[in-house]
Amino acid sequence: MGDESRNKPPQSIAEWQQILGQIIENEQILFALADELGIHQDTIKRWTQGTIPRNAVRMLRALCSASSFPSDFRGAFVEAVSKSYPDFGQAPNPLLENIPVKEIPSIFYSQIYRSFAYVAEDLLFWTLTSTITHQMFGHLDADQAAGVSAMILLCTPPARDCVQSLYAPVKQIGERPSPLPINFPHLVGLESPLADITPRYQRPAIFSEQDIRAFTSLSFPAEVISLLSIPIQRRGKVAGCFLVSSCKQSYWNDQRSLVAYEYSLLLGLAFRDQDFYAREQLCFGSFPSAAFQRQEEQRYPFRQRVRNLWRERHHLSNEQLEILALQGLEQNLLGIGEKNE
């Protein structure tokens, strides 16, 4: 009996649902609204049939403020929604304003915090980055039609106090192929807009295909045509940036960007406190092109740098040796990049 009552059609359709029904008679508008909100068009259709959106006030605010929402309907729609939801016209809570409409499931937050609490320290980074990117891929691109993938650029541990570069590590995160398949570290600095990792509390930086082709020290394959860059941040400090790519033009609308931003905040839990650097510690140099860095790798491979250091310093761990090799590579490339400015 309970199931039957739940499946019965609603007794009446609210005025705002009737207006929305008129709006989405135009399929072009329907598809544009669904794309902006990051939801399926059938979800919007169900709203016109009596289904109430989850977090209705916030969802309907997002719908009404979408650029594809027809302006000649906006006034009547706002008035109609306010009849059903008196709080609709009030100023939104700033703490909730930039949360994506299609939210991360609350149970996933519990899973991440459990891992953060219980996983051994030496396994935490790979456990959390794998778990977070797996969930994000399913959230943003479950059928892989958009070719969403992810990678990180990390602050190169400084020999002194000043961080002079970001680097793309060879071992990348997540189950999908990296948007930048590499077999040696690539260094990035002032020559790239990706080095702008100042902590930000808003939407990520979005790069178009034209922007991506202009990058010099990183060379993305042709199938990467839209890209997000989000600082990996904690309490005003940064550890690097999280890059999320797509093979679809203009894929990163407001809602998808906000979803990726939320996952980047969780990604910060994968890092140790010492991996984060204050703004005043960032003093990036300039680095040569990706093509030149490949030539340097052929001349003096990174693994050879590590082996040479190991012969001199047997007592150091592999991680410590790789950091020293990275710092040596950084110094070699830094002078060349600055000469080319």
C-alpha atoms as a PDB file:
ATOM      1  CA  MET A   1       0.000   0.000   0.000  1.00  0.00           C
ATOM      2  CA  GLY A   2       2.843   2.370   0.921  1.00  0.00           C
ATOM      3  CA  ASP A   3       4.615   1.746  -2.406  1.00  0.00           C
ATOM      4  CA  GLU A   4       1.401   2.323  -4.351  1.00  0.00           C
ATOM      5  CA  SER A   5       0.773   5.659  -2.671  1.00  0.00           C
ATOM      6  CA  ARG A   6       4.304   6.792  -3.414  1.00  0.00           C
ATOM      7  CA  ASN A   7       3.901   5.943  -7.103  1.00  0.00           C
ATOM      8  CA  LYS A   8       0.634   7.865  -7.531  1.00  0.00           C
ATOM      9  CA  PRO A   9       0.882  11.046  -9.607  1.00  0.00           C
ATOM     10  CA  PRO A  10       0.737  14.324  -7.637  1.00  0.00           C
ATOM     11  CA  GLN A  11      -2.652  15.847  -6.992  1.00  0.00           C
ATOM     12  CA  SER A  12      -1.600  19.263  -8.283  1.00  0.00           C
ATOM     13  CA  ILE A  13       1.290  20.932 -10.032  1.00  0.00           C
ATOM     14  CA  ALA A  14       2.733  24.073  -8.467  1.00  0.00           C
ATOM     15  CA  GLU A  15       2.708  27.262 -10.495  1.00  0.00           C
ATOM     16  CA  TRP A  16       6.513  27.308 -10.821  1.00  0.00           C
ATOM     17  CA  GLN A  17       6.401  23.751 -12.206  1.00  0.00           C
ATOM     18  CA  GLN A  18       3.818  24.804 -14.794  1.00  0.00           C
ATOM     19  CA  ILE A  19       6.021  27.720 -15.899  1.00  0.00           C
ATOM     20  CA  LEU A  20       9.061  25.448 -16.071  1.00  0.00           C
ATOM     21  CA  GLY A  21       7.030  23.074 -18.226  1.00  0.00           C
ATOM     22  CA  GLN A  22       6.394  25.885 -20.696  1.00  0.00           C
ATOM     23  CA  ILE A  23      10.080  26.807 -20.739  1.00  0.00           C
ATOM     24  CA  ILE A  24      11.382  23.320 -21.502  1.00  0.00           C
ATOM     25  CA  GLU A  25       8.972  22.783 -24.367  1.00  0.00           C
ATOM     26  CA  ASN A  26      11.940  24.220 -26.220  1.00  0.00           C
ATOM     27  CA  GLU A  27      14.312  21.211 -26.198  1.00  0.00           C
ATOM     28  CA  GLN A  28      17.322  23.393 -26.911  1.00  0.00           C
ATOM     29  CA  ILE A  29      16.694  25.310 -23.669  1.00  0.00           C
ATOM     30  CA  LEU A  30      16.062  22.051 -21.777  1.00  0.00           C
ATOM     31  CA  PHE A  31      19.391  20.566 -22.832  1.00  0.00           C
ATOM     32  CA  ALA A  32      21.256  23.818 -22.150  1.00  0.00           C
ATOM     33  CA  LEU A  33      19.796  24.096 -18.620  1.00  0.00           C
ATOM     34  CA  ALA A  34      20.603  20.463 -17.850  1.00  0.00           C
ATOM     35  CA  ASP A  35      24.167  20.946 -19.051  1.00  0.00           C
ATOM     36  CA  GLU A  36      24.688  24.075 -16.947  1.00  0.00           C
ATOM     37  CA  LEU A  37      23.363  22.355 -13.821  1.00  0.00           C
ATOM     38  CA  GLY A  38      25.303  19.165 -14.492  1.00  0.00           C
ATOM     39  CA  ILE A  39      22.149  17.005 -14.336  1.00  0.00           C
ATOM     40  CA  HIS A  40      20.185  14.875 -16.787  1.00  0.00           C
ATOM     41  CA  GLN A  41      17.417  16.576 -18.751  1.00  0.00           C
ATOM     42  CA  ASP A  42      14.927  13.970 -17.524  1.00  0.00           C
ATOM     43  CA  THR A  43      15.468  15.277 -13.987  1.00  0.00           C
ATOM     44  CA  ILE A  44      14.194  18.714 -15.033  1.00  0.00           C
ATOM     45  CA  LYS A  45      11.262  17.093 -16.834  1.00  0.00           C
ATOM     46  CA  ARG A  46      10.293  15.296 -13.622  1.00  0.00           C
ATOM     47  CA  TRP A  47      10.187  18.620 -11.784  1.00  0.00           C
ATOM     48  CA  THR A  48       7.464  19.773 -14.179  1.00  0.00           C
ATOM     49  CA  GLN A  49       5.473  16.631 -13.316  1.00  0.00           C
ATOM     50  CA  GLY A  50       5.387  17.211  -9.570  1.00  0.00           C
ATOM     51  CA  THR A  51       8.749  15.893  -8.346  1.00  0.00           C
ATOM     52  CA  ILE A  52      10.414  18.257  -5.853  1.00  0.00           C
ATOM     53  CA  PRO A  53      14.164  18.844  -6.291  1.00  0.00           C
ATOM     54  CA  ARG A  54      16.484  17.908  -3.466  1.00  0.00           C
ATOM     55  CA  ASN A  55      17.581  21.113  -1.679  1.00  0.00           C
ATOM     56  CA  ALA A  56      14.794  22.797  -3.654  1.00  0.00           C
ATOM     57  CA  VAL A  57      15.573  26.439  -2.835  1.00  0.00           C
ATOM     58  CA  ARG A  58      19.251  26.169  -3.780  1.00  0.00           C
ATOM     59  CA  MET A  59      18.527  24.043  -6.842  1.00  0.00           C
ATOM     60  CA  LEU A  60      15.854  26.435  -8.137  1.00  0.00           C
ATOM     61  CA  ARG A  61      18.114  29.442  -7.499  1.00  0.00           C
ATOM     62  CA  ALA A  62      20.784  27.737  -9.620  1.00  0.00           C
ATOM     63  CA  LEU A  63      18.216  26.979 -12.318  1.00  0.00           C
ATOM     64  CA  CYS A  64      16.881  30.535 -12.391  1.00  0.00           C
ATOM     65  CA  SER A  65      20.369  32.093 -12.504  1.00  0.00           C
ATOM     66  CA  ALA A  66      21.601  29.820 -15.328  1.00  0.00           C
ATOM     67  CA  SER A  67      22.643  31.803 -18.397  1.00  0.00           C
ATOM     68  CA  SER A  68      20.384  29.682 -20.612  1.00  0.00           C
ATOM     69  CA  PHE A  69      17.274  30.380 -18.492  1.00  0.00           C
ATOM     70  CA  PRO A  70      15.053  32.611 -20.701  1.00  0.00           C
ATOM     71  CA  SER A  71      14.999  36.132 -19.253  1.00  0.00           C
ATOM     72  CA  ASP A  72      11.397  36.803 -20.247  1.00  0.00           C
ATOM     73  CA  PHE A  73      10.257  33.991 -17.920  1.00  0.00           C
ATOM     74  CA  ARG A  74      12.548  34.865 -15.001  1.00  0.00           C
ATOM     75  CA  GLY A  75      10.330  37.372 -13.184  1.00  0.00           C
ATOM     76  CA  ALA A  76       7.230  35.173 -13.287  1.00  0.00           C
ATOM     77  CA  PHE A  77       9.255  32.116 -12.291  1.00  0.00           C
ATOM     78  CA  VAL A  78      10.817  33.835  -9.267  1.00  0.00           C
ATOM     79  CA  GLU A  79       7.408  35.072  -8.127  1.00  0.00           C
ATOM     80  CA  ALA A  80       5.890  31.590  -8.535  1.00  0.00           C
ATOM     81  CA  VAL A  81       8.718  29.819  -6.692  1.00  0.00           C
ATOM     82  CA  SER A  82       8.453  32.337  -3.827  1.00  0.00           C
ATOM     83  CA  LYS A  83       4.820  31.272  -3.320  1.00  0.00           C
ATOM     84  CA  SER A  84       5.962  27.700  -2.658  1.00  0.00           C
ATOM     85  CA  TYR A  85       9.207  28.632  -0.887  1.00  0.00           C
ATOM     86  CA  PRO A  86       9.036  31.938   1.030  1.00  0.00           C
ATOM     87  CA  ASP A  87      12.807  31.772   1.674  1.00  0.00           C
ATOM     88  CA  PHE A  88      13.550  31.796  -2.070  1.00  0.00           C
ATOM     89  CA  GLY A  89      13.838  35.559  -2.336  1.00  0.00           C
ATOM     90  CA  GLN A  90      16.134  35.930   0.669  1.00  0.00           C
ATOM     91  CA  ALA A  91      19.880  36.381   0.288  1.00  0.00           C
ATOM     92  CA  PRO A  92      21.547  32.946   0.096  1.00  0.00           C
ATOM     93  CA  ASN A  93      23.840  31.697   2.832  1.00  0.00           C
ATOM     94  CA  PRO A  94      27.370  32.511   1.557  1.00  0.00           C
ATOM     95  CA  LEU A  95      28.677  29.226   3.011  1.00  0.00           C
ATOM     96  CA  LEU A  96      26.267  27.307   0.760  1.00  0.00           C
ATOM     97  CA  GLU A  97      26.359  29.534  -2.289  1.00  0.00           C
ATOM     98  CA  ASN A  98      29.286  27.811  -4.016  1.00  0.00           C
ATOM     99  CA  ILE A  99      28.350  24.203  -3.291  1.00  0.00           C
ATOM    100  CA  PRO A 100      27.547  22.276  -6.465  1.00  0.00           C
ATOM    101  CA  VAL A 101      23.931  21.418  -7.188  1.00  0.00           C
ATOM    102  CA  LYS A 102      24.820  17.788  -7.858  1.00  0.00           C
ATOM    103  CA  GLU A 103      26.377  17.152  -4.451  1.00  0.00           C
ATOM    104  CA  ILE A 104      28.985  14.631  -3.382  1.00  0.00           C
ATOM    105  CA  PRO A 105      27.167  11.874  -1.409  1.00  0.00           C
ATOM    106  CA  SER A 106      27.509  12.378   2.340  1.00  0.00           C
ATOM    107  CA  ILE A 107      28.539   8.728   2.819  1.00  0.00           C
ATOM    108  CA  PHE A 108      31.605   9.418   0.682  1.00  0.00           C
ATOM    109  CA  TYR A 109      32.813  12.082   3.113  1.00  0.00           C
ATOM    110  CA  SER A 110      32.547   9.484   5.871  1.00  0.00           C
ATOM    111  CA  GLN A 111      34.611   7.059   3.806  1.00  0.00           C
ATOM    112  CA  ILE A 112      37.357   9.648   3.273  1.00  0.00           C
ATOM    113  CA  TYR A 113      37.521  10.646   6.934  1.00  0.00           C
ATOM    114  CA  ARG A 114      37.692   6.993   7.988  1.00  0.00           C
ATOM    115  CA  SER A 115      40.613   6.443   5.617  1.00  0.00           C
ATOM    116  CA  PHE A 116      42.270   9.610   6.918  1.00  0.00           C
ATOM    117  CA  ALA A 117      41.911   8.332  10.491  1.00  0.00           C
ATOM    118  CA  TYR A 118      42.877   4.683  10.039  1.00  0.00           C
ATOM    119  CA  VAL A 119      45.109   4.152   6.973  1.00  0.00           C
ATOM    120  CA  ALA A 120      48.852   3.891   7.680  1.00  0.00           C
ATOM    121  CA  GLU A 121      50.758   7.103   6.917  1.00  0.00           C
ATOM    122  CA  ASP A 122      52.897   5.580   4.164  1.00  0.00           C
ATOM    123  CA  LEU A 123      49.761   4.388   2.331  1.00  0.00           C
ATOM    124  CA  LEU A 124      47.559   7.420   2.934  1.00  0.00           C
ATOM    125  CA  PHE A 125      48.495   9.476  -0.134  1.00  0.00           C
ATOM    126  CA  TRP A 126      47.803   6.757  -2.698  1.00  0.00           C
ATOM    127  CA  THR A 127      44.729   5.464  -0.832  1.00  0.00           C
ATOM    128  CA  LEU A 128      43.047   8.863  -0.676  1.00  0.00           C
ATOM    129  CA  THR A 129      44.022  10.074  -4.148  1.00  0.00           C
ATOM    130  CA  SER A 130      42.785   6.821  -5.710  1.00  0.00           C
ATOM    131  CA  THR A 131      39.516   6.862  -3.742  1.00  0.00           C
ATOM    132  CA  ILE A 132      38.812  10.545  -4.423  1.00  0.00           C
ATOM    133  CA  THR A 133      39.571  10.456  -8.153  1.00  0.00           C
ATOM    134  CA  HIS A 134      37.551   7.230  -8.594  1.00  0.00           C
ATOM    135  CA  GLN A 135      34.502   8.918  -7.055  1.00  0.00           C
ATOM    136  CA  MET A 136      35.066  12.097  -9.041  1.00  0.00           C
ATOM    137  CA  PHE A 137      35.300  10.245 -12.365  1.00  0.00           C
ATOM    138  CA  GLY A 138      32.025   8.455 -11.625  1.00  0.00           C
ATOM    139  CA  HIS A 139      30.404  11.741 -10.616  1.00  0.00           C
ATOM    140  CA  LEU A 140      31.533  13.805 -13.598  1.00  0.00           C
ATOM    141  CA  ASP A 141      32.010  11.286 -16.388  1.00  0.00           C
ATOM    142  CA  ALA A 142      30.639   7.850 -15.503  1.00  0.00           C
ATOM    143  CA  ASP A 143      30.404   6.678 -19.123  1.00  0.00           C
ATOM    144  CA  GLN A 144      33.816   8.177 -20.011  1.00  0.00           C
ATOM    145  CA  ALA A 145      32.202  10.040 -22.913  1.00  0.00           C
ATOM    146  CA  ALA A 146      33.884  13.308 -21.862  1.00  0.00           C
ATOM    147  CA  GLY A 147      37.322  11.743 -21.394  1.00  0.00           C
ATOM    148  CA  VAL A 148      37.732  13.263 -17.927  1.00  0.00           C
ATOM    149  CA  SER A 149      41.119  12.555 -16.371  1.00  0.00           C
ATOM    150  CA  ALA A 150      43.274  14.056 -13.627  1.00  0.00           C
ATOM    151  CA  MET A 151      46.844  14.704 -12.570  1.00  0.00           C
ATOM    152  CA  ILE A 152      48.727  16.776 -10.042  1.00  0.00           C
ATOM    153  CA  LEU A 153      51.548  19.289 -10.114  1.00  0.00           C
ATOM    154  CA  LEU A 154      53.439  19.355  -6.831  1.00  0.00           C
ATOM    155  CA  CYS A 155      55.606  21.992  -5.218  1.00  0.00           C
ATOM    156  CA  THR A 156      59.215  20.929  -5.692  1.00  0.00           C
ATOM    157  CA  PRO A 157      60.622  20.558  -2.148  1.00  0.00           C
ATOM    158  CA  PRO A 158      63.021  23.488  -1.800  1.00  0.00           C
ATOM    159  CA  ALA A 159      66.703  23.068  -0.972  1.00  0.00           C
ATOM    160  CA  ARG A 160      66.299  26.160   1.194  1.00  0.00           C
ATOM    161  CA  ASP A 161      63.086  28.021   2.038  1.00  0.00           C
ATOM    162  CA  CYS A 162      61.950  29.104  -1.414  1.00  0.00           C
ATOM    163  CA  VAL A 163      59.787  26.966  -3.726  1.00  0.00           C
ATOM    164  CA  GLN A 164      61.083  27.631  -7.240  1.00  0.00           C
ATOM    165  CA  SER A 165      58.975  25.236  -9.311  1.00  0.00           C
ATOM    166  CA  LEU A 166      56.100  22.822  -9.621  1.00  0.00           C
ATOM    167  CA  TYR A 167      56.737  19.375 -11.045  1.00  0.00           C
ATOM    168  CA  ALA A 168      54.625  16.713 -12.710  1.00  0.00           C
ATOM    169  CA  PRO A 169      55.580  13.420 -11.035  1.00  0.00           C
ATOM    170  CA  VAL A 170      56.040  10.292 -13.134  1.00  0.00           C
ATOM    171  CA  LYS A 171      53.640   8.253 -11.017  1.00  0.00           C
ATOM    172  CA  GLN A 172      50.252   9.833 -11.524  1.00  0.00           C
ATOM    173  CA  ILE A 173      47.041   9.522  -9.546  1.00  0.00           C
ATOM    174  CA  GLY A 174      43.799   7.719 -10.322  1.00  0.00           C
ATOM    175  CA  GLU A 175      42.753   4.759 -12.399  1.00  0.00           C
ATOM    176  CA  ARG A 176      42.438   6.604 -15.707  1.00  0.00           C
ATOM    177  CA  PRO A 177      45.414   7.450 -17.917  1.00  0.00           C
ATOM    178  CA  SER A 178      47.009  10.761 -17.032  1.00  0.00           C
ATOM    179  CA  PRO A 179      46.169  13.686 -19.316  1.00  0.00           C
ATOM    180  CA  LEU A 180      49.948  14.165 -19.567  1.00  0.00           C
ATOM    181  CA  PRO A 181      51.630  10.751 -19.969  1.00  0.00           C
ATOM    182  CA  ILE A 182      55.281  11.203 -19.005  1.00  0.00           C
ATOM    183  CA  ASN A 183      58.192   9.001 -17.930  1.00  0.00           C
ATOM    184  CA  PHE A 184      60.289  11.640 -16.155  1.00  0.00           C
ATOM    185  CA  PRO A 185      59.480  14.732 -14.049  1.00  0.00           C
ATOM    186  CA  HIS A 186      58.512  17.908 -15.920  1.00  0.00           C
ATOM    187  CA  LEU A 187      59.123  21.253 -14.207  1.00  0.00           C
ATOM    188  CA  VAL A 188      56.851  24.292 -14.455  1.00  0.00           C
ATOM    189  CA  GLY A 189      57.314  27.877 -13.325  1.00  0.00           C
ATOM    190  CA  LEU A 190      56.462  31.458 -14.205  1.00  0.00           C
ATOM    191  CA  GLU A 191      56.313  30.690 -17.926  1.00  0.00           C
ATOM    192  CA  SER A 192      53.041  28.833 -17.294  1.00  0.00           C
ATOM    193  CA  PRO A 193      49.700  30.131 -15.949  1.00  0.00           C
ATOM    194  CA  LEU A 194      49.476  26.820 -14.065  1.00  0.00           C
ATOM    195  CA  ALA A 195      52.009  28.255 -11.614  1.00  0.00           C
ATOM    196  CA  ASP A 196      49.310  30.589 -10.278  1.00  0.00           C
ATOM    197  CA  ILE A 197      48.494  28.470  -7.223  1.00  0.00           C
ATOM    198  CA  THR A 198      47.553  31.262  -4.866  1.00  0.00           C
ATOM    199  CA  PRO A 199      44.871  29.856  -2.521  1.00  0.00           C
ATOM    200  CA  ARG A 200      41.448  30.725  -3.883  1.00  0.00           C
ATOM    201  CA  TYR A 201      38.049  30.224  -2.363  1.00  0.00           C
ATOM    202  CA  GLN A 202      36.063  30.317  -5.567  1.00  0.00           C
ATOM    203  CA  ARG A 203      35.824  28.541  -8.900  1.00  0.00           C
ATOM    204  CA  PRO A 204      38.889  26.926 -10.477  1.00  0.00           C
ATOM    205  CA  ALA A 205      40.897  28.444 -13.312  1.00  0.00           C
ATOM    206  CA  ILE A 206      39.518  27.171 -16.638  1.00  0.00           C
ATOM    207  CA  PHE A 207      41.710  26.811 -19.731  1.00  0.00           C
ATOM    208  CA  SER A 208      40.415  26.413 -23.280  1.00  0.00           C
ATOM    209  CA  GLU A 209      42.067  24.456 -26.080  1.00  0.00           C
ATOM    210  CA  GLN A 210      43.778  27.629 -27.284  1.00  0.00           C
ATOM    211  CA  ASP A 211      45.175  28.268 -23.783  1.00  0.00           C
ATOM    212  CA  ILE A 212      46.425  24.682 -23.485  1.00  0.00           C
ATOM    213  CA  ARG A 213      48.286  24.814 -26.816  1.00  0.00           C
ATOM    214  CA  ALA A 214      50.081  27.948 -25.598  1.00  0.00           C
ATOM    215  CA  PHE A 215      51.632  26.105 -22.636  1.00  0.00           C
ATOM    216  CA  THR A 216      55.374  25.649 -23.126  1.00  0.00           C
ATOM    217  CA  SER A 217      56.914  23.659 -20.280  1.00  0.00           C
ATOM    218  CA  LEU A 218      54.041  21.130 -20.406  1.00  0.00           C
ATOM    219  CA  SER A 219      52.827  19.712 -23.704  1.00  0.00           C
ATOM    220  CA  PHE A 220      49.405  18.085 -23.505  1.00  0.00           C
ATOM    221  CA  PRO A 221      48.252  15.636 -26.203  1.00  0.00           C
ATOM    222  CA  ALA A 222      45.776  16.839 -28.829  1.00  0.00           C
ATOM    223  CA  GLU A 223      42.782  15.104 -27.212  1.00  0.00           C
ATOM    224  CA  VAL A 224      43.008  17.354 -24.110  1.00  0.00           C
ATOM    225  CA  ILE A 225      40.961  20.393 -25.124  1.00  0.00           C
ATOM    226  CA  SER A 226      39.601  21.742 -21.828  1.00  0.00           C
ATOM    227  CA  LEU A 227      41.345  21.912 -18.469  1.00  0.00           C
ATOM    228  CA  LEU A 228      40.736  22.969 -14.870  1.00  0.00           C
ATOM    229  CA  SER A 229      43.472  24.000 -12.464  1.00  0.00           C
ATOM    230  CA  ILE A 230      42.692  24.074  -8.734  1.00  0.00           C
ATOM    231  CA  PRO A 231      45.200  24.834  -5.951  1.00  0.00           C
ATOM    232  CA  ILE A 232      45.663  21.998  -3.462  1.00  0.00           C
ATOM    233  CA  GLN A 233      45.227  24.084  -0.355  1.00  0.00           C
ATOM    234  CA  ARG A 234      45.002  23.949   3.397  1.00  0.00           C
ATOM    235  CA  ARG A 235      44.544  26.947   5.690  1.00  0.00           C
ATOM    236  CA  GLY A 236      46.082  29.458   3.284  1.00  0.00           C
ATOM    237  CA  LYS A 237      49.003  27.243   2.217  1.00  0.00           C
ATOM    238  CA  VAL A 238      49.417  25.250  -0.997  1.00  0.00           C
ATOM    239  CA  ALA A 239      50.992  21.917  -1.958  1.00  0.00           C
ATOM    240  CA  GLY A 240      50.569  22.253  -5.721  1.00  0.00           C
ATOM    241  CA  CYS A 241      47.622  22.113  -8.071  1.00  0.00           C
ATOM    242  CA  PHE A 242      45.048  19.573  -9.183  1.00  0.00           C
ATOM    243  CA  LEU A 243      44.505  19.408 -12.947  1.00  0.00           C
ATOM    244  CA  VAL A 244      41.299  17.898 -14.335  1.00  0.00           C
ATOM    245  CA  SER A 245      41.029  17.576 -18.106  1.00  0.00           C
ATOM    246  CA  SER A 246      38.387  16.675 -20.679  1.00  0.00           C
ATOM    247  CA  CYS A 247      38.330  15.833 -24.378  1.00  0.00           C
ATOM    248  CA  LYS A 248      35.131  17.890 -24.808  1.00  0.00           C
ATOM    249  CA  GLN A 249      35.136  21.539 -25.812  1.00  0.00           C
ATOM    250  CA  SER A 250      33.970  23.927 -23.058  1.00  0.00           C
ATOM    251  CA  TYR A 251      33.177  20.987 -20.773  1.00  0.00           C
ATOM    252  CA  TRP A 252      33.852  22.869 -17.554  1.00  0.00           C
ATOM    253  CA  ASN A 253      30.694  24.829 -16.869  1.00  0.00           C
ATOM    254  CA  ASP A 254      29.979  26.344 -13.441  1.00  0.00           C
ATOM    255  CA  GLN A 255      28.466  23.230 -11.906  1.00  0.00           C
ATOM    256  CA  ARG A 256      31.088  20.738 -13.114  1.00  0.00           C
ATOM    257  CA  SER A 257      33.835  23.123 -11.981  1.00  0.00           C
ATOM    258  CA  LEU A 258      32.300  23.362  -8.513  1.00  0.00           C
ATOM    259  CA  VAL A 259      32.100  19.562  -8.277  1.00  0.00           C
ATOM    260  CA  ALA A 260      35.806  19.252  -9.157  1.00  0.00           C
ATOM    261  CA  TYR A 261      36.608  22.023  -6.663  1.00  0.00           C
ATOM    262  CA  GLU A 262      34.891  20.099  -3.852  1.00  0.00           C
ATOM    263  CA  TYR A 263      36.942  17.001  -4.656  1.00  0.00           C
ATOM    264  CA  SER A 264      40.135  19.089  -4.650  1.00  0.00           C
ATOM    265  CA  LEU A 265      39.394  20.174  -1.077  1.00  0.00           C
ATOM    266  CA  LEU A 266      39.186  16.521  -0.041  1.00  0.00           C
ATOM    267  CA  LEU A 267      42.384  15.802  -1.961  1.00  0.00           C
ATOM    268  CA  GLY A 268      44.225  18.131   0.423  1.00  0.00           C
ATOM    269  CA  LEU A 269      43.780  15.494   3.148  1.00  0.00           C
ATOM    270  CA  ALA A 270      46.127  13.171   1.245  1.00  0.00           C
ATOM    271  CA  PHE A 271      49.097  15.458   1.890  1.00  0.00           C
ATOM    272  CA  ARG A 272      51.320  15.872   4.936  1.00  0.00           C
ATOM    273  CA  ASP A 273      51.564  19.197   6.744  1.00  0.00           C
ATOM    274  CA  GLN A 274      55.154  19.661   5.513  1.00  0.00           C
ATOM    275  CA  ASP A 275      53.991  19.404   1.883  1.00  0.00           C
ATOM    276  CA  PHE A 276      52.201  22.774   2.147  1.00  0.00           C
ATOM    277  CA  TYR A 277      53.957  26.119   1.648  1.00  0.00           C
ATOM    278  CA  ALA A 278      52.934  29.660   2.563  1.00  0.00           C
ATOM    279  CA  ARG A 279      52.441  32.252  -0.143  1.00  0.00           C
ATOM    280  CA  GLU A 280      55.629  34.094   0.810  1.00  0.00           C
ATOM    281  CA  GLN A 281      57.627  30.885   0.214  1.00  0.00           C
ATOM    282  CA  LEU A 282      56.629  30.737  -3.453  1.00  0.00           C
ATOM    283  CA  CYS A 283      59.256  32.381  -5.684  1.00  0.00           C
ATOM    284  CA  PHE A 284      59.002  30.545  -8.999  1.00  0.00           C
ATOM    285  CA  GLY A 285      61.609  30.806 -11.729  1.00  0.00           C
ATOM    286  CA  SER A 286      61.131  30.252 -15.455  1.00  0.00           C
ATOM    287  CA  PHE A 287      61.681  26.898 -17.153  1.00  0.00           C
ATOM    288  CA  PRO A 288      62.407  25.849 -20.733  1.00  0.00           C
ATOM    289  CA  SER A 289      60.001  24.152 -23.118  1.00  0.00           C
ATOM    290  CA  ALA A 290      58.762  20.588 -22.796  1.00  0.00           C
ATOM    291  CA  ALA A 291      60.760  19.704 -25.927  1.00  0.00           C
ATOM    292  CA  PHE A 292      63.966  20.999 -24.338  1.00  0.00           C
ATOM    293  CA  GLN A 293      63.236  19.133 -21.103  1.00  0.00           C
ATOM    294  CA  ARG A 294      62.848  15.914 -23.120  1.00  0.00           C
ATOM    295  CA  GLN A 295      66.255  16.556 -24.704  1.00  0.00           C
ATOM    296  CA  GLU A 296      67.789  17.028 -21.245  1.00  0.00           C
ATOM    297  CA  GLU A 297      66.215  13.754 -20.122  1.00  0.00           C
ATOM    298  CA  GLN A 298      67.837  11.944 -23.058  1.00  0.00           C
ATOM    299  CA  ARG A 299      71.179  13.544 -22.252  1.00  0.00           C
ATOM    300  CA  TYR A 300      71.075  12.824 -18.517  1.00  0.00           C
ATOM    301  CA  PRO A 301      68.109  10.598 -17.516  1.00  0.00           C
ATOM    302  CA  PHE A 302      66.427  11.314 -14.187  1.00  0.00           C
ATOM    303  CA  ARG A 303      66.860   7.696 -13.030  1.00  0.00           C
ATOM    304  CA  GLN A 304      70.594   8.043 -13.688  1.00  0.00           C
ATOM    305  CA  ARG A 305      70.664  11.134 -11.482  1.00  0.00           C
ATOM    306  CA  VAL A 306      69.066   9.091  -8.691  1.00  0.00           C
ATOM    307  CA  ARG A 307      71.520   6.197  -9.155  1.00  0.00           C
ATOM    308  CA  ASN A 308      74.517   8.525  -9.071  1.00  0.00           C
ATOM    309  CA  LEU A 309      73.293  10.052  -5.825  1.00  0.00           C
ATOM    310  CA  TRP A 310      72.703   6.595  -4.345  1.00  0.00           C
ATOM    311  CA  ARG A 311      76.351   5.663  -4.947  1.00  0.00           C
ATOM    312  CA  GLU A 312      77.391   8.643  -2.823  1.00  0.00           C
ATOM    313  CA  ARG A 313      74.646   8.515  -0.163  1.00  0.00           C
ATOM    314  CA  HIS A 314      73.635   4.940   0.643  1.00  0.00           C
ATOM    315  CA  HIS A 315      72.059   6.021   3.928  1.00  0.00           C
ATOM    316  CA  LEU A 316      69.280   8.039   2.252  1.00  0.00           C
ATOM    317  CA  SER A 317      65.856   6.632   1.389  1.00  0.00           C
ATOM    318  CA  ASN A 318      64.671   6.428  -2.204  1.00  0.00           C
ATOM    319  CA  GLU A 319      62.282   9.347  -1.567  1.00  0.00           C
ATOM    320  CA  GLN A 320      65.150  11.497  -0.255  1.00  0.00           C
ATOM    321  CA  LEU A 321      67.336  10.588  -3.238  1.00  0.00           C
ATOM    322  CA  GLU A 322      64.574  11.488  -5.682  1.00  0.00           C
ATOM    323  CA  ILE A 323      64.080  14.861  -3.999  1.00  0.00           C
ATOM    324  CA  LEU A 324      67.812  15.613  -4.294  1.00  0.00           C
ATOM    325  CA  ALA A 325      67.764  14.556  -7.956  1.00  0.00           C
ATOM    326  CA  LEU A 326      64.732  16.763  -8.551  1.00  0.00           C
ATOM    327  CA  GLN A 327      66.456  19.729  -6.935  1.00  0.00           C
ATOM    328  CA  GLY A 328      69.512  19.151  -9.121  1.00  0.00           C
ATOM    329  CA  LEU A 329      67.351  18.998 -12.249  1.00  0.00           C
ATOM    330  CA  GLU A 330      65.572  22.161 -11.144  1.00  0.00           C
ATOM    331  CA  GLN A 331      68.831  24.076 -10.847  1.00  0.00           C
ATOM    332  CA  ASN A 332      70.011  22.866 -14.257  1.00  0.00           C
ATOM    333  CA  LEU A 333      66.801  23.929 -15.988  1.00  0.00           C
ATOM    334  CA  LEU A 334      66.304  27.153 -14.049  1.00  0.00           C
ATOM    335  CA  GLY A 335      69.259  28.944 -15.556  1.00  0.00           C
ATOM    336  CA  ILE A 336      68.314  27.845 -19.073  1.00  0.00           C
ATOM    337  CA  GLY A 337      64.700  28.976 -18.668  1.00  0.00           C
ATOM    338  CA  GLU A 338      65.694  32.403 -17.391  1.00  0.00           C
ATOM    339  CA  LYS A 339      68.143  32.888 -20.306  1.00  0.00           C
ATOM    340  CA  ASN A 340      65.321  32.182 -22.738  1.00  0.00           C
ATOM    341  CA  GLU A 341      63.020  34.874 -21.274  1.00  0.00           C
END
